[in-house]
Each structure stands twice: as C-alpha cells, then as structure tokens.
C-alpha atoms as a PDB file:
ATOM      1  CA  MET A   1      64.051 -57.302  48.708  1.00  0.00           C
ATOM      2  CA  SER A   2      61.253 -55.815  46.670  1.00  0.00           C
ATOM      3  CA  ALA A   3      58.579 -53.949  48.417  1.00  0.00           C
ATOM      4  CA  PRO A   4      55.201 -55.566  48.405  1.00  0.00           C
ATOM      5  CA  THR A   5      52.848 -54.088  45.907  1.00  0.00           C
ATOM      6  CA  GLU A   6      49.171 -53.179  46.777  1.00  0.00           C
ATOM      7  CA  THR A   7      46.507 -54.127  44.435  1.00  0.00           C
ATOM      8  CA  VAL A   8      43.793 -51.620  44.366  1.00  0.00           C
ATOM      9  CA  ASN A   9      40.494 -53.069  43.097  1.00  0.00           C
ATOM     10  CA  ALA A  10      38.298 -50.491  41.285  1.00  0.00           C
ATOM     11  CA  PRO A  11      34.678 -50.356  42.747  1.00  0.00           C
ATOM     12  CA  THR A  12      32.247 -52.099  40.575  1.00  0.00           C
ATOM     13  CA  PRO A  13      29.674 -49.590  39.404  1.00  0.00           C
ATOM     14  CA  ARG A  14      26.153 -50.208  40.442  1.00  0.00           C
ATOM     15  CA  SER A  15      23.592 -51.150  37.911  1.00  0.00           C
ATOM     16  CA  SER A  16      21.683 -47.969  38.492  1.00  0.00           C
ATOM     17  CA  GLU A  17      24.829 -45.872  37.849  1.00  0.00           C
ATOM     18  CA  VAL A  18      25.457 -47.519  34.400  1.00  0.00           C
ATOM     19  CA  GLU A  19      24.027 -45.145  31.799  1.00  0.00           C
ATOM     20  CA  ALA A  20      22.074 -46.928  29.190  1.00  0.00           C
ATOM     21  CA  PRO A  21      23.026 -45.902  25.617  1.00  0.00           C
ATOM     22  CA  ALA A  22      20.834 -43.059  24.273  1.00  0.00           C
ATOM     23  CA  THR A  23      18.185 -44.374  21.923  1.00  0.00           C
ATOM     24  CA  LYS A  24      16.794 -42.182  19.110  1.00  0.00           C
ATOM     25  CA  VAL A  25      13.143 -42.392  18.475  1.00  0.00           C
ATOM     26  CA  LYS A  26      12.570 -41.565  14.788  1.00  0.00           C
ATOM     27  CA  VAL A  27       8.998 -40.158  14.337  1.00  0.00           C
ATOM     28  CA  SER A  28       7.735 -40.459  10.813  1.00  0.00           C
ATOM     29  CA  ARG A  29       6.986 -37.063   9.127  1.00  0.00           C
ATOM     30  CA  VAL A  30       4.625 -38.611   6.729  1.00  0.00           C
ATOM     31  CA  PRO A  31       1.497 -37.660   8.783  1.00  0.00           C
ATOM     32  CA  VAL A  32       2.743 -34.087   8.997  1.00  0.00           C
ATOM     33  CA  TYR A  33       3.255 -33.919   5.291  1.00  0.00           C
ATOM     34  CA  LEU A  34      -0.097 -35.374   4.566  1.00  0.00           C
ATOM     35  CA  GLY A  35      -1.801 -32.979   6.879  1.00  0.00           C
ATOM     36  CA  ILE A  36       0.031 -29.989   5.389  1.00  0.00           C
ATOM     37  CA  ALA A  37      -0.927 -31.319   1.889  1.00  0.00           C
ATOM     38  CA  LEU A  38      -4.580 -31.709   2.929  1.00  0.00           C
ATOM     39  CA  ILE A  39      -4.856 -28.169   4.417  1.00  0.00           C
ATOM     40  CA  THR A  40      -3.090 -26.740   1.304  1.00  0.00           C
ATOM     41  CA  LEU A  41      -5.565 -28.572  -1.032  1.00  0.00           C
ATOM     42  CA  ILE A  42      -8.668 -27.377   0.965  1.00  0.00           C
ATOM     43  CA  TRP A  43      -7.266 -23.825   0.915  1.00  0.00           C
ATOM     44  CA  THR A  44      -6.580 -23.896  -2.649  1.00  0.00           C
ATOM     45  CA  ILE A  45      -9.852 -25.390  -4.001  1.00  0.00           C
ATOM     46  CA  PRO A  46     -11.939 -22.124  -3.892  1.00  0.00           C
ATOM     47  CA  SER A  47      -9.269 -20.336  -5.817  1.00  0.00           C
ATOM     48  CA  LEU A  48      -9.018 -23.060  -8.284  1.00  0.00           C
ATOM     49  CA  GLY A  49     -12.769 -22.973  -8.853  1.00  0.00           C
ATOM     50  CA  LEU A  50     -12.704 -19.223  -9.285  1.00  0.00           C
ATOM     51  CA  MET A  51      -9.926 -19.442 -11.924  1.00  0.00           C
ATOM     52  CA  ILE A  52     -11.760 -22.240 -13.859  1.00  0.00           C
ATOM     53  CA  ASN A  53     -14.978 -20.234 -13.964  1.00  0.00           C
ATOM     54  CA  SER A  54     -13.233 -17.110 -15.149  1.00  0.00           C
ATOM     55  CA  PHE A  55     -12.506 -18.963 -18.397  1.00  0.00           C
ATOM     56  CA  ARG A  56     -15.923 -20.602 -18.817  1.00  0.00           C
ATOM     57  CA  GLU A  57     -18.935 -19.453 -20.902  1.00  0.00           C
ATOM     58  CA  PRO A  58     -21.475 -17.593 -19.077  1.00  0.00           C
ATOM     59  CA  ARG A  59     -24.181 -19.995 -19.773  1.00  0.00           C
ATOM     60  CA  SER A  60     -21.943 -22.912 -18.431  1.00  0.00           C
ATOM     61  CA  ILE A  61     -21.370 -20.891 -15.166  1.00  0.00           C
ATOM     62  CA  ARG A  62     -25.075 -20.575 -14.579  1.00  0.00           C
ATOM     63  CA  ALA A  63     -25.968 -24.097 -15.580  1.00  0.00           C
ATOM     64  CA  THR A  64     -23.187 -26.285 -13.993  1.00  0.00           C
ATOM     65  CA  GLY A  65     -20.601 -26.279 -11.389  1.00  0.00           C
ATOM     66  CA  TRP A  66     -16.957 -25.664 -12.172  1.00  0.00           C
ATOM     67  CA  TRP A  67     -15.917 -29.152 -11.334  1.00  0.00           C
ATOM     68  CA  THR A  68     -17.827 -30.501 -14.475  1.00  0.00           C
ATOM     69  CA  VAL A  69     -15.076 -29.190 -16.730  1.00  0.00           C
ATOM     70  CA  PHE A  70     -12.854 -32.136 -15.892  1.00  0.00           C
ATOM     71  CA  GLY A  71     -15.158 -34.206 -17.993  1.00  0.00           C
ATOM     72  CA  ASN A  72     -14.410 -32.274 -21.193  1.00  0.00           C
ATOM     73  CA  LEU A  73     -11.214 -30.688 -20.141  1.00  0.00           C
ATOM     74  CA  PHE A  74      -9.712 -30.500 -23.631  1.00  0.00           C
ATOM     75  CA  ASP A  75     -12.906 -29.136 -25.356  1.00  0.00           C
ATOM     76  CA  SER A  76     -11.860 -25.799 -26.722  1.00  0.00           C
ATOM     77  CA  ALA A  77     -15.553 -24.781 -26.985  1.00  0.00           C
ATOM     78  CA  ALA A  78     -15.797 -24.772 -23.107  1.00  0.00           C
ATOM     79  CA  TRP A  79     -13.178 -22.167 -22.607  1.00  0.00           C
ATOM     80  CA  THR A  80     -13.156 -18.436 -23.461  1.00  0.00           C
ATOM     81  CA  VAL A  81     -11.232 -15.237 -22.607  1.00  0.00           C
ATOM     82  CA  GLN A  82     -14.291 -13.000 -23.382  1.00  0.00           C
ATOM     83  CA  ASN A  83     -14.903 -12.619 -19.673  1.00  0.00           C
ATOM     84  CA  TYR A  84     -11.584 -11.020 -19.122  1.00  0.00           C
ATOM     85  CA  THR A  85     -12.095  -8.753 -22.216  1.00  0.00           C
ATOM     86  CA  GLN A  86     -15.385  -7.477 -20.935  1.00  0.00           C
ATOM     87  CA  VAL A  87     -13.995  -6.977 -17.414  1.00  0.00           C
ATOM     88  CA  LEU A  88     -11.131  -4.913 -18.615  1.00  0.00           C
ATOM     89  CA  GLU A  89     -13.285  -2.815 -20.989  1.00  0.00           C
ATOM     90  CA  SER A  90     -15.844  -2.271 -18.215  1.00  0.00           C
ATOM     91  CA  GLY A  91     -13.435  -0.074 -16.082  1.00  0.00           C
ATOM     92  CA  PHE A  92     -11.203  -2.633 -14.421  1.00  0.00           C
ATOM     93  CA  GLY A  93      -8.281  -1.602 -16.637  1.00  0.00           C
ATOM     94  CA  ASN A  94      -8.438   2.013 -15.272  1.00  0.00           C
ATOM     95  CA  ALA A  95      -9.109   0.657 -11.688  1.00  0.00           C
ATOM     96  CA  PHE A  96      -6.085  -1.429 -11.967  1.00  0.00           C
ATOM     97  CA  ILE A  97      -3.869   1.600 -12.700  1.00  0.00           C
ATOM     98  CA  ASN A  98      -5.655   3.471  -9.930  1.00  0.00           C
ATOM     99  CA  SER A  99      -4.895   0.701  -7.485  1.00  0.00           C
ATOM    100  CA  LEU A 100      -1.157   0.893  -8.406  1.00  0.00           C
ATOM    101  CA  ALA A 101      -1.125   4.696  -7.899  1.00  0.00           C
ATOM    102  CA  VAL A 102      -2.576   4.139  -4.394  1.00  0.00           C
ATOM    103  CA  THR A 103      -0.673   1.120  -3.414  1.00  0.00           C
ATOM    104  CA  ILE A 104       2.949   1.954  -4.475  1.00  0.00           C
ATOM    105  CA  PRO A 105       3.234   5.231  -2.579  1.00  0.00           C
ATOM    106  CA  SER A 106       1.278   3.824   0.312  1.00  0.00           C
ATOM    107  CA  VAL A 107       4.004   1.190   0.763  1.00  0.00           C
ATOM    108  CA  VAL A 108       7.036   3.313   0.047  1.00  0.00           C
ATOM    109  CA  ILE A 109       6.058   6.196   2.368  1.00  0.00           C
ATOM    110  CA  PRO A 110       5.692   4.225   5.650  1.00  0.00           C
ATOM    111  CA  ILE A 111       8.753   2.055   4.980  1.00  0.00           C
ATOM    112  CA  THR A 112      11.007   5.082   4.431  1.00  0.00           C
ATOM    113  CA  VAL A 113       9.651   6.984   7.470  1.00  0.00           C
ATOM    114  CA  ALA A 114       9.745   3.791   9.705  1.00  0.00           C
ATOM    115  CA  ALA A 115      13.193   2.892   8.616  1.00  0.00           C
ATOM    116  CA  PHE A 116      14.636   6.243   9.817  1.00  0.00           C
ATOM    117  CA  ALA A 117      12.542   6.102  12.912  1.00  0.00           C
ATOM    118  CA  ALA A 118      13.544   2.509  13.728  1.00  0.00           C
ATOM    119  CA  TYR A 119      17.234   3.347  13.386  1.00  0.00           C
ATOM    120  CA  ALA A 120      16.888   6.199  15.783  1.00  0.00           C
ATOM    121  CA  PHE A 121      15.022   4.096  18.357  1.00  0.00           C
ATOM    122  CA  ALA A 122      17.631   1.290  18.147  1.00  0.00           C
ATOM    123  CA  TRP A 123      20.919   3.040  17.893  1.00  0.00           C
ATOM    124  CA  MET A 124      20.563   6.783  18.849  1.00  0.00           C
ATOM    125  CA  GLU A 125      20.497   8.206  22.228  1.00  0.00           C
ATOM    126  CA  PHE A 126      17.955  11.083  22.858  1.00  0.00           C
ATOM    127  CA  PRO A 127      15.617  12.024  25.743  1.00  0.00           C
ATOM    128  CA  GLY A 128      12.294  10.059  25.866  1.00  0.00           C
ATOM    129  CA  ARG A 129      13.361   7.398  23.375  1.00  0.00           C
ATOM    130  CA  GLN A 130      11.682   4.511  25.226  1.00  0.00           C
ATOM    131  CA  VAL A 131       8.566   6.488  26.007  1.00  0.00           C
ATOM    132  CA  ILE A 132       8.069   7.627  22.348  1.00  0.00           C
ATOM    133  CA  PHE A 133       8.690   4.063  21.143  1.00  0.00           C
ATOM    134  CA  VAL A 134       6.118   2.666  23.504  1.00  0.00           C
ATOM    135  CA  ALA A 135       3.642   5.310  22.477  1.00  0.00           C
ATOM    136  CA  VAL A 136       4.171   4.584  18.715  1.00  0.00           C
ATOM    137  CA  VAL A 137       3.739   0.773  19.342  1.00  0.00           C
ATOM    138  CA  GLY A 138       0.665   1.483  21.393  1.00  0.00           C
ATOM    139  CA  LEU A 139      -1.078   2.844  18.353  1.00  0.00           C
ATOM    140  CA  LEU A 140      -1.269  -0.719  17.111  1.00  0.00           C
ATOM    141  CA  VAL A 141      -4.248  -1.225  19.434  1.00  0.00           C
ATOM    142  CA  VAL A 142      -6.177   1.763  18.187  1.00  0.00           C
ATOM    143  CA  PRO A 143      -9.093   0.491  15.986  1.00  0.00           C
ATOM    144  CA  LEU A 144      -8.941   1.719  12.452  1.00  0.00           C
ATOM    145  CA  GLN A 145     -12.622   2.758  12.512  1.00  0.00           C
ATOM    146  CA  MET A 146     -12.069   5.270  15.250  1.00  0.00           C
ATOM    147  CA  ALA A 147      -9.671   7.333  13.173  1.00  0.00           C
ATOM    148  CA  LEU A 148     -11.719   7.481  10.001  1.00  0.00           C
ATOM    149  CA  ILE A 149     -14.111  10.331  10.981  1.00  0.00           C
ATOM    150  CA  PRO A 150     -11.422  12.620  12.669  1.00  0.00           C
ATOM    151  CA  ILE A 151      -9.116  12.215   9.680  1.00  0.00           C
ATOM    152  CA  LEU A 152     -11.931  12.884   7.372  1.00  0.00           C
ATOM    153  CA  ARG A 153     -12.759  16.138   9.079  1.00  0.00           C
ATOM    154  CA  VAL A 154      -9.137  17.218   8.865  1.00  0.00           C
ATOM    155  CA  TYR A 155      -9.074  16.384   5.174  1.00  0.00           C
ATOM    156  CA  THR A 156     -12.287  18.429   4.690  1.00  0.00           C
ATOM    157  CA  ASN A 157     -10.550  21.509   6.118  1.00  0.00           C
ATOM    158  CA  PHE A 158      -7.571  21.146   3.605  1.00  0.00           C
ATOM    159  CA  ASP A 159      -9.860  20.024   0.713  1.00  0.00           C
ATOM    160  CA  LEU A 160      -8.016  16.694   0.278  1.00  0.00           C
ATOM    161  CA  ASN A 161     -11.025  14.345   0.203  1.00  0.00           C
ATOM    162  CA  GLY A 162     -11.220  12.246  -3.027  1.00  0.00           C
ATOM    163  CA  THR A 163      -7.475  12.681  -3.845  1.00  0.00           C
ATOM    164  CA  TYR A 164      -4.574  10.363  -3.849  1.00  0.00           C
ATOM    165  CA  PRO A 165      -2.643  12.228  -1.210  1.00  0.00           C
ATOM    166  CA  ALA A 166      -5.344  11.706   1.186  1.00  0.00           C
ATOM    167  CA  ILE A 167      -5.375   7.886   1.029  1.00  0.00           C
ATOM    168  CA  TRP A 168      -1.561   7.840   0.829  1.00  0.00           C
ATOM    169  CA  LEU A 169      -1.375   9.660   4.230  1.00  0.00           C
ATOM    170  CA  ALA A 170      -4.053   7.492   5.704  1.00  0.00           C
ATOM    171  CA  HIS A 171      -2.428   4.240   4.620  1.00  0.00           C
ATOM    172  CA  ALA A 172       0.874   5.467   5.739  1.00  0.00           C
ATOM    173  CA  GLY A 173      -0.370   6.510   9.185  1.00  0.00           C
ATOM    174  CA  PHE A 174      -2.202   3.228   9.659  1.00  0.00           C
ATOM    175  CA  GLY A 175       0.918   1.210   8.629  1.00  0.00           C
ATOM    176  CA  LEU A 176       3.607   3.151  10.483  1.00  0.00           C
ATOM    177  CA  PRO A 177       3.233   1.614  13.975  1.00  0.00           C
ATOM    178  CA  LEU A 178       3.690  -2.041  12.769  1.00  0.00           C
ATOM    179  CA  ALA A 179       6.547  -0.871  10.549  1.00  0.00           C
ATOM    180  CA  VAL A 180       8.375   0.952  13.370  1.00  0.00           C
ATOM    181  CA  TYR A 181       7.861  -2.017  15.596  1.00  0.00           C
ATOM    182  CA  LEU A 182       9.154  -4.740  13.114  1.00  0.00           C
ATOM    183  CA  LEU A 183      12.117  -2.620  11.875  1.00  0.00           C
ATOM    184  CA  ARG A 184      13.269  -1.451  15.280  1.00  0.00           C
ATOM    185  CA  ASN A 185      13.291  -5.030  16.691  1.00  0.00           C
ATOM    186  CA  TYR A 186      15.318  -6.170  13.671  1.00  0.00           C
ATOM    187  CA  MET A 187      17.794  -3.341  13.622  1.00  0.00           C
ATOM    188  CA  GLY A 188      18.263  -3.486  17.381  1.00  0.00           C
ATOM    189  CA  SER A 189      19.252  -7.178  16.980  1.00  0.00           C
ATOM    190  CA  LEU A 190      22.150  -6.408  14.685  1.00  0.00           C
ATOM    191  CA  PRO A 191      25.567  -6.791  16.405  1.00  0.00           C
ATOM    192  CA  SER A 192      26.665  -3.644  18.031  1.00  0.00           C
ATOM    193  CA  SER A 193      30.229  -4.244  16.964  1.00  0.00           C
ATOM    194  CA  LEU A 194      29.354  -3.378  13.442  1.00  0.00           C
ATOM    195  CA  ILE A 195      28.022   0.052  14.544  1.00  0.00           C
ATOM    196  CA  GLU A 196      31.069   0.624  16.747  1.00  0.00           C
ATOM    197  CA  SER A 197      33.463  -0.368  14.039  1.00  0.00           C
ATOM    198  CA  ALA A 198      31.815   1.980  11.586  1.00  0.00           C
ATOM    199  CA  LYS A 199      31.911   4.837  14.101  1.00  0.00           C
ATOM    200  CA  ILE A 200      35.577   4.199  14.718  1.00  0.00           C
ATOM    201  CA  ASP A 201      36.083   4.449  10.995  1.00  0.00           C
ATOM    202  CA  GLY A 202      34.562   7.907  10.966  1.00  0.00           C
ATOM    203  CA  ALA A 203      31.073   7.152   9.633  1.00  0.00           C
ATOM    204  CA  ASP A 204      28.204   9.241  10.974  1.00  0.00           C
ATOM    205  CA  HIS A 205      24.707   8.086  11.524  1.00  0.00           C
ATOM    206  CA  PHE A 206      23.519   8.630   8.042  1.00  0.00           C
ATOM    207  CA  LYS A 207      26.329   6.624   6.486  1.00  0.00           C
ATOM    208  CA  ILE A 208      25.788   3.836   8.965  1.00  0.00           C
ATOM    209  CA  PHE A 209      22.070   3.857   8.212  1.00  0.00           C
ATOM    210  CA  THR A 210      22.296   3.941   4.361  1.00  0.00           C
ATOM    211  CA  ARG A 211      25.472   1.820   3.774  1.00  0.00           C
ATOM    212  CA  LEU A 212      25.308  -0.700   6.662  1.00  0.00           C
ATOM    213  CA  ILE A 213      21.862  -1.023   8.235  1.00  0.00           C
ATOM    214  CA  ILE A 214      19.621  -0.726   5.210  1.00  0.00           C
ATOM    215  CA  PRO A 215      21.447  -3.599   3.254  1.00  0.00           C
ATOM    216  CA  LEU A 216      21.270  -5.847   6.327  1.00  0.00           C
ATOM    217  CA  SER A 217      17.624  -5.141   6.796  1.00  0.00           C
ATOM    218  CA  VAL A 218      16.297  -6.286   3.383  1.00  0.00           C
ATOM    219  CA  PRO A 219      14.480  -9.199   4.924  1.00  0.00           C
ATOM    220  CA  VAL A 220      12.403  -7.278   7.292  1.00  0.00           C
ATOM    221  CA  LEU A 221      11.778  -4.496   4.764  1.00  0.00           C
ATOM    222  CA  ALA A 222      10.478  -7.054   2.296  1.00  0.00           C
ATOM    223  CA  SER A 223       8.259  -8.686   4.972  1.00  0.00           C
ATOM    224  CA  PHE A 224       6.626  -5.321   5.805  1.00  0.00           C
ATOM    225  CA  ALA A 225       6.259  -4.442   2.113  1.00  0.00           C
ATOM    226  CA  ILE A 226       4.309  -7.666   1.578  1.00  0.00           C
ATOM    227  CA  PHE A 227       2.050  -6.912   4.574  1.00  0.00           C
ATOM    228  CA  GLN A 228       1.481  -3.343   3.516  1.00  0.00           C
ATOM    229  CA  PHE A 229       1.069  -4.170  -0.170  1.00  0.00           C
ATOM    230  CA  LEU A 230      -1.528  -6.797   0.501  1.00  0.00           C
ATOM    231  CA  TRP A 231      -3.477  -4.649   2.970  1.00  0.00           C
ATOM    232  CA  VAL A 232      -3.630  -1.593   0.772  1.00  0.00           C
ATOM    233  CA  TRP A 233      -4.388  -3.560  -2.382  1.00  0.00           C
ATOM    234  CA  ASN A 234      -7.243  -5.469  -0.754  1.00  0.00           C
ATOM    235  CA  ASP A 235      -8.447  -2.522   1.214  1.00  0.00           C
ATOM    236  CA  LEU A 236     -12.204  -1.414   0.540  1.00  0.00           C
ATOM    237  CA  LEU A 237     -13.063   0.695   3.607  1.00  0.00           C
ATOM    238  CA  VAL A 238     -10.374   3.249   3.468  1.00  0.00           C
ATOM    239  CA  ALA A 239     -10.691   3.662  -0.258  1.00  0.00           C
ATOM    240  CA  LEU A 240     -14.429   4.178   0.052  1.00  0.00           C
ATOM    241  CA  VAL A 241     -13.956   6.830   2.861  1.00  0.00           C
ATOM    242  CA  PHE A 242     -11.245   8.914   1.196  1.00  0.00           C
ATOM    243  CA  LEU A 243     -11.661   8.199  -2.435  1.00  0.00           C
ATOM    244  CA  GLY A 244     -15.447   7.414  -2.894  1.00  0.00           C
ATOM    245  CA  TYR A 245     -17.065   6.218  -6.064  1.00  0.00           C
ATOM    246  CA  ASN A 246     -15.548   8.759  -8.449  1.00  0.00           C
ATOM    247  CA  GLU A 247     -14.647   6.686 -11.559  1.00  0.00           C
ATOM    248  CA  GLN A 248     -11.421   8.686 -12.156  1.00  0.00           C
ATOM    249  CA  VAL A 249      -9.867   7.442  -8.876  1.00  0.00           C
ATOM    250  CA  ARG A 250     -11.922   4.262  -8.179  1.00  0.00           C
ATOM    251  CA  VAL A 251      -9.676   1.299  -7.085  1.00  0.00           C
ATOM    252  CA  LEU A 252     -10.167  -2.388  -7.938  1.00  0.00           C
ATOM    253  CA  THR A 253     -11.898  -3.338  -4.710  1.00  0.00           C
ATOM    254  CA  VAL A 254     -14.485  -0.534  -5.113  1.00  0.00           C
ATOM    255  CA  GLU A 255     -14.968  -1.555  -8.813  1.00  0.00           C
ATOM    256  CA  LEU A 256     -15.400  -5.135  -7.805  1.00  0.00           C
ATOM    257  CA  SER A 257     -18.033  -4.353  -5.131  1.00  0.00           C
ATOM    258  CA  ASP A 258     -19.822  -2.195  -7.656  1.00  0.00           C
ATOM    259  CA  LEU A 259     -19.847  -4.988 -10.246  1.00  0.00           C
ATOM    260  CA  ALA A 260     -21.169  -7.356  -7.789  1.00  0.00           C
ATOM    261  CA  GLY A 261     -24.123  -5.114  -7.024  1.00  0.00           C
ATOM    262  CA  ARG A 262     -25.322  -4.673 -10.617  1.00  0.00           C
ATOM    263  CA  GLY A 263     -27.405  -7.818 -10.621  1.00  0.00           C
ATOM    264  CA  GLU A 264     -27.395 -11.261 -12.116  1.00  0.00           C
ATOM    265  CA  GLY A 265     -26.255  -9.975 -15.551  1.00  0.00           C
ATOM    266  CA  THR A 266     -22.745  -9.643 -14.309  1.00  0.00           C
ATOM    267  CA  LEU A 267     -22.548 -12.929 -12.490  1.00  0.00           C
ATOM    268  CA  SER A 268     -20.349 -14.452 -15.185  1.00  0.00           C
ATOM    269  CA  LEU A 269     -17.894 -11.546 -15.044  1.00  0.00           C
ATOM    270  CA  LEU A 270     -17.154 -11.749 -11.238  1.00  0.00           C
ATOM    271  CA  PRO A 271     -14.695 -14.651 -11.393  1.00  0.00           C
ATOM    272  CA  ALA A 272     -12.626 -12.948 -13.993  1.00  0.00           C
ATOM    273  CA  ALA A 273     -12.842  -9.586 -12.063  1.00  0.00           C
ATOM    274  CA  ALA A 274     -11.795 -11.367  -8.911  1.00  0.00           C
ATOM    275  CA  MET A 275      -8.848 -13.021 -10.775  1.00  0.00           C
ATOM    276  CA  VAL A 276      -7.708  -9.621 -12.116  1.00  0.00           C
ATOM    277  CA  THR A 277      -7.613  -8.261  -8.609  1.00  0.00           C
ATOM    278  CA  MET A 278      -5.607 -11.394  -7.306  1.00  0.00           C
ATOM    279  CA  ILE A 279      -2.907 -11.497  -9.974  1.00  0.00           C
ATOM    280  CA  LEU A 280      -0.587  -8.775  -8.748  1.00  0.00           C
ATOM    281  CA  PRO A 281      -0.668  -9.743  -5.048  1.00  0.00           C
ATOM    282  CA  LEU A 282       0.196 -13.235  -5.953  1.00  0.00           C
ATOM    283  CA  VAL A 283       3.180 -12.143  -7.935  1.00  0.00           C
ATOM    284  CA  VAL A 284       4.371  -9.865  -5.100  1.00  0.00           C
ATOM    285  CA  PHE A 285       4.006 -12.515  -2.460  1.00  0.00           C
ATOM    286  CA  PHE A 286       5.791 -15.359  -4.441  1.00  0.00           C
ATOM    287  CA  SER A 287       8.537 -13.069  -5.535  1.00  0.00           C
ATOM    288  CA  LEU A 288       9.265 -11.830  -1.971  1.00  0.00           C
ATOM    289  CA  GLN A 289       8.078 -14.829   0.168  1.00  0.00           C
ATOM    290  CA  ARG A 290      11.743 -16.015   0.668  1.00  0.00           C
ATOM    291  CA  PHE A 291      12.255 -12.898   2.863  1.00  0.00           C
ATOM    292  CA  PHE A 292       8.987 -13.280   4.589  1.00  0.00           C
ATOM    293  CA  VAL A 293       9.649 -15.653   7.493  1.00  0.00           C
ATOM    294  CA  ARG A 294      13.253 -14.400   7.974  1.00  0.00           C
ATOM    295  CA  GLY A 295      12.036 -10.897   8.325  1.00  0.00           C
ATOM    296  CA  LEU A 296       9.249 -11.735  10.894  1.00  0.00           C
ATOM    297  CA  THR A 297      11.402 -13.967  13.106  1.00  0.00           C
ATOM    298  CA  ALA A 298      14.597 -11.998  12.987  1.00  0.00           C
ATOM    299  CA  GLY A 299      14.981  -9.746  16.016  1.00  0.00           C
ATOM    300  CA  SER A 300      12.488 -11.760  18.127  1.00  0.00           C
ATOM    301  CA  VAL A 301      15.468 -13.148  20.233  1.00  0.00           C
ATOM    302  CA  LYS A 302      18.428 -10.785  20.664  1.00  0.00           C
ATOM    303  CA  GLY A 303      21.707 -12.622  21.327  1.00  0.00           C
END
C-alpha cells in the first residue's frame, strides 16, 4: 500500500505584503535647461554689449545704445577697429606685457611650493604635521587688507617696493593657503596602494612625487591655476600697493582705472580697453575648464 501523501497549501500572501511594481516618475528637464539658458543669457548680455561697443564709432557710442546696431548689422561704416588701435598705442600694449610678467610667476611659484607641501602633508610622517597643516589652512580666514601694511614695511626695509619680486611674493603668499588645502585633499585621496607599490619597487619620495603624484594631480593643479591666474590678472589693490603708478611696471588693471579717470574724452576707449583685459583670462579658462570641476570636487570624499 502506498503511504498517504500530505498536501501542503502555501499561505496566501496578504494584500499588504504584495509589493507593487516600482514606478519611475520621469521629470522633464526642459524647465531646468530653460532656466540655465536664461541665466546664461542674462549673464552674457553685459559682455556682449561691451564687445559691440568696442567696435563702434565714438560718436555712435555717445549717441545711441549698443543694441541699435542690430538694425544695421551689416553696415561696414558702423564698425571700426580704431578704438583698439588707440588703446594699444596709449600704453595698454606695455601694460599687457607687464601683466604677463606679474601673473605667470605669481601662478607658478605658489603651485610649485604648494605641491611639495601638499605631498608632505598627505604622505610623509613628521612631528606636528596636522598642527602645521591646520595653521596653514587657518590663514585662509586672514583678510588680505590686514597684511598689506606689514608686508609693505618689510619690503621698504629690503628696498623691494615697486619691483616685480615684491608682487610675486605677495601673490604667492596670499595664494598658498588655498593651494595647499586643495592639493593636499586631492593627493590624500589617491589610493595608498599606489604609494606602497612604488616604495616596494624602491622609489623614494622625490620619485613618487615627480613620476606618480604630479601626473595624477593635473586636474587639481589646473583648477588652482585658473583661480590664481584670474585673481592675479584682475587684481588692482595689490598691484597699486606694491607696484604703484610707475608706467614701466603698470599692469592692465591700473592702466584701465587710469584711463577711466581721464574724463569723457576716453569714454569710447573704455569698451576696447576692457576687452583687451578680458581676452587672455577667457582663453585660459576655456582651455582649462575641463579640469575645473574635476579638480575642485576630487578629494572631497575619500574612499
């Protein structure tokens, strides 16, 4: 005889236990794109008007607004490059060279020093490392204006006022805390296995820094280079304090402020002069902007 079989009935799930299928709510991104486009348009309009006025006749600049050019956009008589010619001949050409002479070392010096310091803070063991790093980062809250007079007195003792080394050292000192902070966070977020493997292969700290860390840190180096370049290039206060109005070392911002104070006769030259000061920063930003966000966000969360 065959043994009786028992039938096991599976419990019927309750209605509350039955999971409803996940539904995806698609949110249209059109309003976001429209908002970004509107903000970009509003932000760009002043620069567009400045550029248009820089190519207009002086009489047209004084008589009508820049938006009136759209009525005779293809009229060659309404456009001229004479404004740029006068601007470059009035001292802006020399000021452009002076700005380059000030900006390039003022960017290279803090990046170089901060890169070495950031590697030491991130991967080298020495007494007081954390305390020194906190002290360096704490300098970020020191107002720039508080340091101008003490530094100026020191420069007076060493006869550095009105020279390029004076402004190089000033910009390097003001930029170092931010540079050390950004670079240290980025370098510290790199995998420790890379450093350990390099040490096992016999590499010392200098080889690890130059052949491994620096190539991997290009995004953050480019990000700080953009920040420092724009800050130094557009600076007026530090240039006035440490270089003054000497025409031989006058930078673009000082030349532009001097042009603006000459009266109504130079009104038509101001748009062209402003565009001359904007050209190089725009080139630098758009050529390095692909590193900008990566360099700022990398290292914010360490895995």
